[in-house]
Amino acid sequence: MEEAGAIDNEHVPLPLGVRKAAARTRDRMLLDKLLRDRNPQVISTLLNNPWLRERDVVLVAALRPTQPSVLQVVASHPKWSTRYAVRKALACNPYCPSALALRLIGTLFRQDVAFIASSSALSEEVLTEARRLLSEG
């Protein structure tokens, strides 16, 4: 398939429409490559693909560096935003917008909030909120 070869070539970016169409495929190798796309439209299309697995979405949510808009798309998706592992990956990502991370950490288990509170990669605002939640017990 020529499109898969074109996606392999990092020096020749594919047009947005081609990447969005590819995000609807069931080709596992192609989907794996598209998980790293930084365009929120491609990710939005990918999130609706029935062949996508939770671990794929966790990878998108944890990917660094990434665009905050990509993380917003994941966080607002009706199916994937309810998954604990996805919420945790989003909250632990330093590229996650602070307002979103602040909303998410209140939904996490105490041990995960403790991990966030000890992270040196996250914003001071997020760290402060995590520490506050821990002190409330």
N, C-alpha and C. Protein backbone atom coordinates (compact mmCIF):
# COMPACT_ATOMS: atom_id res chain seq x y z
N MET A 1 0.85 -1.18 0.00
CA MET A 1 0.00 0.00 0.00
C MET A 1 0.89 1.23 0.00
N GLU A 2 0.72 2.12 -0.94
CA GLU A 2 1.59 3.28 -1.06
C GLU A 2 1.43 4.26 0.08
N GLU A 3 0.19 4.44 0.56
CA GLU A 3 -0.04 5.40 1.64
C GLU A 3 0.76 5.03 2.88
N ALA A 4 0.82 3.74 3.21
CA ALA A 4 1.57 3.31 4.38
C ALA A 4 3.04 3.66 4.21
N GLY A 5 3.57 3.48 3.01
CA GLY A 5 4.95 3.84 2.75
C GLY A 5 5.17 5.33 2.90
N ALA A 6 4.19 6.12 2.49
CA ALA A 6 4.32 7.58 2.60
C ALA A 6 4.31 8.01 4.06
N ILE A 7 3.54 7.31 4.89
CA ILE A 7 3.52 7.64 6.31
C ILE A 7 4.85 7.28 6.95
N ASP A 8 5.49 6.22 6.46
CA ASP A 8 6.80 5.83 6.97
C ASP A 8 7.85 6.91 6.71
N ASN A 9 7.71 7.66 5.65
CA ASN A 9 8.71 8.66 5.27
C ASN A 9 8.44 9.95 6.03
N GLU A 10 9.18 10.20 7.09
CA GLU A 10 8.98 11.37 7.94
C GLU A 10 9.28 12.67 7.21
N HIS A 11 10.02 12.60 6.13
CA HIS A 11 10.42 13.81 5.42
C HIS A 11 9.36 14.29 4.43
N VAL A 12 8.36 13.47 4.17
CA VAL A 12 7.30 13.85 3.24
C VAL A 12 5.97 13.75 3.99
N PRO A 13 5.55 14.84 4.64
CA PRO A 13 4.30 14.77 5.40
C PRO A 13 3.09 14.60 4.48
N LEU A 14 2.18 13.75 4.90
CA LEU A 14 0.96 13.53 4.12
C LEU A 14 -0.03 14.65 4.38
N PRO A 15 -0.86 14.96 3.41
CA PRO A 15 -1.90 15.97 3.62
C PRO A 15 -2.86 15.53 4.74
N LEU A 16 -3.45 16.51 5.39
CA LEU A 16 -4.35 16.24 6.50
C LEU A 16 -5.48 15.30 6.10
N GLY A 17 -6.08 15.51 4.96
CA GLY A 17 -7.19 14.66 4.52
C GLY A 17 -6.80 13.20 4.37
N VAL A 18 -5.59 12.96 3.90
CA VAL A 18 -5.10 11.59 3.73
C VAL A 18 -4.90 10.95 5.11
N ARG A 19 -4.36 11.71 6.04
CA ARG A 19 -4.14 11.18 7.40
C ARG A 19 -5.48 10.90 8.10
N LYS A 20 -6.46 11.79 7.91
CA LYS A 20 -7.77 11.57 8.52
C LYS A 20 -8.44 10.33 7.92
N ALA A 21 -8.33 10.15 6.62
CA ALA A 21 -8.89 8.95 5.98
C ALA A 21 -8.18 7.70 6.49
N ALA A 22 -6.88 7.78 6.66
CA ALA A 22 -6.11 6.63 7.15
C ALA A 22 -6.49 6.30 8.59
N ALA A 23 -6.94 7.28 9.36
CA ALA A 23 -7.32 7.06 10.75
C ALA A 23 -8.58 6.21 10.88
N ARG A 24 -9.26 5.99 9.77
CA ARG A 24 -10.47 5.16 9.78
C ARG A 24 -10.19 3.70 9.42
N THR A 25 -8.95 3.38 9.13
CA THR A 25 -8.58 2.05 8.66
C THR A 25 -8.58 1.03 9.80
N ARG A 26 -8.49 -0.23 9.43
CA ARG A 26 -8.29 -1.27 10.43
C ARG A 26 -6.87 -1.81 10.38
N ASP A 27 -6.03 -1.24 9.54
CA ASP A 27 -4.63 -1.65 9.39
C ASP A 27 -3.86 -1.27 10.66
N ARG A 28 -3.47 -2.28 11.42
CA ARG A 28 -2.84 -2.05 12.73
C ARG A 28 -1.54 -1.26 12.61
N MET A 29 -0.71 -1.57 11.63
CA MET A 29 0.56 -0.85 11.49
C MET A 29 0.32 0.62 11.18
N LEU A 30 -0.65 0.91 10.37
CA LEU A 30 -0.98 2.28 10.03
C LEU A 30 -1.55 3.02 11.24
N LEU A 31 -2.42 2.36 11.98
CA LEU A 31 -2.98 2.96 13.19
C LEU A 31 -1.87 3.29 14.19
N ASP A 32 -0.93 2.37 14.36
CA ASP A 32 0.18 2.60 15.29
C ASP A 32 0.98 3.84 14.92
N LYS A 33 1.16 4.09 13.65
CA LYS A 33 1.88 5.29 13.21
C LYS A 33 1.06 6.55 13.46
N LEU A 34 -0.24 6.46 13.23
CA LEU A 34 -1.11 7.63 13.39
C LEU A 34 -1.31 8.03 14.85
N LEU A 35 -1.05 7.12 15.78
CA LEU A 35 -1.18 7.45 17.20
C LEU A 35 -0.26 8.60 17.60
N ARG A 36 0.80 8.81 16.83
CA ARG A 36 1.77 9.86 17.14
C ARG A 36 1.51 11.16 16.37
N ASP A 37 0.42 11.21 15.63
CA ASP A 37 0.09 12.42 14.88
C ASP A 37 -0.24 13.54 15.87
N ARG A 38 0.19 14.75 15.56
CA ARG A 38 -0.02 15.86 16.48
C ARG A 38 -1.19 16.75 16.08
N ASN A 39 -1.95 16.32 15.09
CA ASN A 39 -3.09 17.12 14.65
C ASN A 39 -4.35 16.64 15.37
N PRO A 40 -5.05 17.54 16.07
CA PRO A 40 -6.23 17.12 16.82
C PRO A 40 -7.34 16.54 15.94
N GLN A 41 -7.43 16.96 14.67
CA GLN A 41 -8.45 16.41 13.78
C GLN A 41 -8.17 14.94 13.46
N VAL A 42 -6.91 14.62 13.26
CA VAL A 42 -6.53 13.22 13.00
C VAL A 42 -6.82 12.37 14.23
N ILE A 43 -6.44 12.88 15.40
CA ILE A 43 -6.65 12.14 16.64
C ILE A 43 -8.15 11.96 16.91
N SER A 44 -8.93 12.99 16.66
CA SER A 44 -10.38 12.89 16.85
C SER A 44 -10.97 11.78 15.98
N THR A 45 -10.55 11.72 14.73
CA THR A 45 -11.01 10.66 13.83
C THR A 45 -10.54 9.30 14.33
N LEU A 46 -9.31 9.23 14.77
CA LEU A 46 -8.73 7.99 15.27
C LEU A 46 -9.48 7.48 16.50
N LEU A 47 -9.87 8.38 17.39
CA LEU A 47 -10.57 7.98 18.62
C LEU A 47 -11.92 7.33 18.34
N ASN A 48 -12.48 7.60 17.18
CA ASN A 48 -13.76 7.00 16.80
C ASN A 48 -13.60 5.70 16.03
N ASN A 49 -12.37 5.27 15.81
CA ASN A 49 -12.10 4.05 15.07
C ASN A 49 -12.41 2.84 15.98
N PRO A 50 -13.30 1.94 15.55
CA PRO A 50 -13.65 0.79 16.39
C PRO A 50 -12.49 -0.18 16.63
N TRP A 51 -11.42 -0.07 15.87
CA TRP A 51 -10.27 -0.96 16.04
C TRP A 51 -9.27 -0.43 17.06
N LEU A 52 -9.51 0.77 17.57
CA LEU A 52 -8.60 1.36 18.56
C LEU A 52 -8.80 0.67 19.91
N ARG A 53 -7.70 0.48 20.63
CA ARG A 53 -7.74 -0.15 21.94
C ARG A 53 -7.41 0.88 23.02
N GLU A 54 -7.76 0.56 24.25
CA GLU A 54 -7.50 1.48 25.36
C GLU A 54 -6.02 1.81 25.46
N ARG A 55 -5.17 0.82 25.30
CA ARG A 55 -3.73 1.09 25.42
C ARG A 55 -3.25 2.05 24.33
N ASP A 56 -3.91 2.07 23.18
CA ASP A 56 -3.58 3.03 22.13
C ASP A 56 -3.89 4.45 22.60
N VAL A 57 -5.04 4.61 23.21
CA VAL A 57 -5.46 5.94 23.67
C VAL A 57 -4.58 6.40 24.83
N VAL A 58 -4.18 5.48 25.69
CA VAL A 58 -3.25 5.83 26.77
C VAL A 58 -1.94 6.33 26.19
N LEU A 59 -1.48 5.69 25.12
CA LEU A 59 -0.25 6.15 24.47
C LEU A 59 -0.41 7.58 23.95
N VAL A 60 -1.53 7.87 23.30
CA VAL A 60 -1.79 9.23 22.80
C VAL A 60 -1.81 10.21 23.97
N ALA A 61 -2.46 9.84 25.07
CA ALA A 61 -2.59 10.72 26.23
C ALA A 61 -1.26 10.94 26.95
N ALA A 62 -0.36 9.99 26.86
CA ALA A 62 0.93 10.08 27.56
C ALA A 62 2.05 10.63 26.69
N LEU A 63 1.83 10.73 25.40
CA LEU A 63 2.88 11.11 24.45
C LEU A 63 3.46 12.49 24.76
N ARG A 64 4.79 12.56 24.70
CA ARG A 64 5.51 13.82 24.92
C ARG A 64 6.61 13.94 23.89
N PRO A 65 6.78 15.07 23.30
CA PRO A 65 5.93 16.26 23.36
C PRO A 65 4.67 16.04 22.53
N THR A 66 3.65 16.84 22.82
CA THR A 66 2.40 16.79 22.08
C THR A 66 1.75 18.15 22.10
N GLN A 67 0.70 18.29 21.37
CA GLN A 67 -0.07 19.53 21.36
C GLN A 67 -1.14 19.45 22.45
N PRO A 68 -1.29 20.50 23.26
CA PRO A 68 -2.36 20.49 24.26
C PRO A 68 -3.74 20.24 23.65
N SER A 69 -3.95 20.71 22.43
CA SER A 69 -5.25 20.50 21.78
C SER A 69 -5.52 19.02 21.52
N VAL A 70 -4.49 18.23 21.29
CA VAL A 70 -4.65 16.79 21.12
C VAL A 70 -5.14 16.18 22.44
N LEU A 71 -4.57 16.62 23.55
CA LEU A 71 -4.97 16.10 24.85
C LEU A 71 -6.40 16.52 25.18
N GLN A 72 -6.78 17.72 24.78
CA GLN A 72 -8.16 18.18 24.99
C GLN A 72 -9.15 17.29 24.23
N VAL A 73 -8.78 16.92 23.01
CA VAL A 73 -9.64 16.04 22.20
C VAL A 73 -9.82 14.69 22.91
N VAL A 74 -8.75 14.14 23.43
CA VAL A 74 -8.84 12.86 24.15
C VAL A 74 -9.72 13.02 25.39
N ALA A 75 -9.49 14.09 26.14
CA ALA A 75 -10.23 14.30 27.39
C ALA A 75 -11.71 14.55 27.17
N SER A 76 -12.08 15.03 26.01
CA SER A 76 -13.50 15.32 25.75
C SER A 76 -14.21 14.21 25.00
N HIS A 77 -13.50 13.14 24.68
CA HIS A 77 -14.14 12.04 23.94
C HIS A 77 -15.06 11.25 24.87
N PRO A 78 -16.32 11.05 24.48
CA PRO A 78 -17.27 10.38 25.38
C PRO A 78 -16.88 8.96 25.80
N LYS A 79 -16.26 8.21 24.92
CA LYS A 79 -15.89 6.83 25.25
C LYS A 79 -14.60 6.78 26.06
N TRP A 80 -13.57 7.45 25.60
CA TRP A 80 -12.24 7.28 26.17
C TRP A 80 -12.01 8.12 27.42
N SER A 81 -12.71 9.23 27.58
CA SER A 81 -12.48 10.09 28.75
C SER A 81 -12.97 9.45 30.05
N THR A 82 -13.77 8.41 29.94
CA THR A 82 -14.26 7.74 31.15
C THR A 82 -13.30 6.65 31.64
N ARG A 83 -12.31 6.32 30.86
CA ARG A 83 -11.36 5.26 31.22
C ARG A 83 -10.31 5.79 32.19
N TYR A 84 -10.16 5.10 33.31
CA TYR A 84 -9.24 5.55 34.35
C TYR A 84 -7.81 5.72 33.82
N ALA A 85 -7.31 4.74 33.10
CA ALA A 85 -5.92 4.80 32.62
C ALA A 85 -5.70 6.00 31.70
N VAL A 86 -6.72 6.36 30.94
CA VAL A 86 -6.62 7.52 30.04
C VAL A 86 -6.58 8.80 30.87
N ARG A 87 -7.47 8.91 31.84
CA ARG A 87 -7.48 10.12 32.71
C ARG A 87 -6.15 10.27 33.44
N LYS A 88 -5.62 9.16 33.93
CA LYS A 88 -4.34 9.20 34.65
C LYS A 88 -3.21 9.64 33.72
N ALA A 89 -3.16 9.09 32.52
CA ALA A 89 -2.11 9.47 31.55
C ALA A 89 -2.21 10.95 31.20
N LEU A 90 -3.41 11.45 31.03
CA LEU A 90 -3.60 12.87 30.73
C LEU A 90 -3.09 13.73 31.89
N ALA A 91 -3.51 13.39 33.10
CA ALA A 91 -3.14 14.20 34.27
C ALA A 91 -1.63 14.20 34.51
N CYS A 92 -0.96 13.13 34.15
CA CYS A 92 0.49 13.02 34.37
C CYS A 92 1.32 13.62 33.23
N ASN A 93 0.67 14.07 32.18
CA ASN A 93 1.38 14.61 31.03
C ASN A 93 1.66 16.10 31.24
N PRO A 94 2.92 16.52 31.23
CA PRO A 94 3.24 17.94 31.44
C PRO A 94 2.70 18.85 30.34
N TYR A 95 2.32 18.30 29.20
CA TYR A 95 1.75 19.11 28.12
C TYR A 95 0.24 19.28 28.27
N CYS A 96 -0.34 18.64 29.26
CA CYS A 96 -1.77 18.77 29.51
C CYS A 96 -2.06 20.17 30.06
N PRO A 97 -3.04 20.87 29.51
CA PRO A 97 -3.38 22.19 30.05
C PRO A 97 -3.70 22.09 31.54
N SER A 98 -3.21 23.05 32.31
CA SER A 98 -3.38 22.99 33.77
C SER A 98 -4.83 22.86 34.19
N ALA A 99 -5.73 23.60 33.55
CA ALA A 99 -7.14 23.54 33.92
C ALA A 99 -7.69 22.12 33.77
N LEU A 100 -7.29 21.44 32.73
CA LEU A 100 -7.72 20.06 32.51
C LEU A 100 -7.09 19.13 33.55
N ALA A 101 -5.80 19.26 33.78
CA ALA A 101 -5.12 18.42 34.77
C ALA A 101 -5.72 18.61 36.16
N LEU A 102 -6.07 19.84 36.50
CA LEU A 102 -6.67 20.11 37.81
C LEU A 102 -8.02 19.41 37.95
N ARG A 103 -8.79 19.37 36.89
CA ARG A 103 -10.07 18.65 36.91
C ARG A 103 -9.86 17.15 37.06
N LEU A 104 -8.85 16.64 36.40
CA LEU A 104 -8.63 15.19 36.37
C LEU A 104 -8.06 14.63 37.66
N ILE A 105 -7.17 15.36 38.33
CA ILE A 105 -6.51 14.76 39.50
C ILE A 105 -7.49 14.47 40.63
N GLY A 106 -8.59 15.18 40.67
CA GLY A 106 -9.61 14.90 41.67
C GLY A 106 -10.33 13.58 41.45
N THR A 107 -10.14 12.97 40.29
CA THR A 107 -10.80 11.70 39.96
C THR A 107 -9.86 10.50 40.11
N LEU A 108 -8.63 10.76 40.54
CA LEU A 108 -7.62 9.69 40.59
C LEU A 108 -7.49 9.09 41.98
N PHE A 109 -6.98 7.86 42.03
CA PHE A 109 -6.70 7.21 43.30
C PHE A 109 -5.59 7.95 44.04
N ARG A 110 -5.60 7.80 45.34
CA ARG A 110 -4.64 8.50 46.19
C ARG A 110 -3.18 8.24 45.79
N GLN A 111 -2.83 7.00 45.47
CA GLN A 111 -1.44 6.70 45.11
C GLN A 111 -1.04 7.42 43.82
N ASP A 112 -1.99 7.61 42.92
CA ASP A 112 -1.68 8.32 41.68
C ASP A 112 -1.57 9.83 41.92
N VAL A 113 -2.38 10.34 42.82
CA VAL A 113 -2.27 11.75 43.21
C VAL A 113 -0.92 11.97 43.89
N ALA A 114 -0.48 11.02 44.71
CA ALA A 114 0.83 11.12 45.36
C ALA A 114 1.95 11.13 44.32
N PHE A 115 1.82 10.32 43.29
CA PHE A 115 2.82 10.31 42.22
C PHE A 115 2.87 11.68 41.54
N ILE A 116 1.71 12.23 41.26
CA ILE A 116 1.64 13.56 40.63
C ILE A 116 2.26 14.61 41.54
N ALA A 117 1.97 14.53 42.83
CA ALA A 117 2.49 15.52 43.79
C ALA A 117 4.02 15.48 43.87
N SER A 118 4.61 14.34 43.55
CA SER A 118 6.07 14.21 43.63
C SER A 118 6.76 14.43 42.28
N SER A 119 5.99 14.70 41.26
CA SER A 119 6.56 14.87 39.92
C SER A 119 7.24 16.22 39.77
N SER A 120 8.37 16.23 39.10
CA SER A 120 9.07 17.49 38.85
C SER A 120 8.72 18.05 37.47
N ALA A 121 7.96 17.29 36.69
CA ALA A 121 7.67 17.69 35.31
C ALA A 121 6.39 18.51 35.18
N LEU A 122 5.53 18.49 36.19
CA LEU A 122 4.23 19.14 36.08
C LEU A 122 4.27 20.57 36.60
N SER A 123 3.25 21.33 36.23
CA SER A 123 3.20 22.74 36.63
C SER A 123 3.03 22.87 38.14
N GLU A 124 3.48 23.99 38.66
CA GLU A 124 3.38 24.25 40.10
C GLU A 124 1.93 24.25 40.55
N GLU A 125 1.05 24.76 39.72
CA GLU A 125 -0.37 24.80 40.03
C GLU A 125 -0.94 23.38 40.22
N VAL A 126 -0.55 22.47 39.36
CA VAL A 126 -1.01 21.08 39.45
C VAL A 126 -0.40 20.40 40.68
N LEU A 127 0.88 20.64 40.91
CA LEU A 127 1.54 20.05 42.09
C LEU A 127 0.88 20.53 43.38
N THR A 128 0.58 21.81 43.45
CA THR A 128 -0.04 22.39 44.64
C THR A 128 -1.40 21.74 44.90
N GLU A 129 -2.19 21.57 43.86
CA GLU A 129 -3.51 20.95 44.01
C GLU A 129 -3.37 19.49 44.44
N ALA A 130 -2.43 18.77 43.88
CA ALA A 130 -2.22 17.37 44.26
C ALA A 130 -1.82 17.28 45.73
N ARG A 131 -0.94 18.16 46.15
CA ARG A 131 -0.52 18.16 47.57
C ARG A 131 -1.68 18.52 48.49
N ARG A 132 -2.51 19.45 48.05
CA ARG A 132 -3.68 19.84 48.84
C ARG A 132 -4.63 18.64 49.00
N LEU A 133 -4.87 17.93 47.91
CA LEU A 133 -5.74 16.75 47.98
C LEU A 133 -5.18 15.69 48.91
N LEU A 134 -3.88 15.52 48.89
CA LEU A 134 -3.25 14.53 49.78
C LEU A 134 -3.36 14.94 51.25
N SER A 135 -3.22 16.23 51.51
CA SER A 135 -3.28 16.70 52.90
C SER A 135 -4.69 16.60 53.47
N GLU A 136 -5.70 16.63 52.61
CA GLU A 136 -7.08 16.49 53.07
C GLU A 136 -7.39 15.06 53.49
N GLY A 137 -6.57 14.14 53.02
CA GLY A 137 -6.65 12.77 53.44
C GLY A 137 -7.75 11.98 52.89
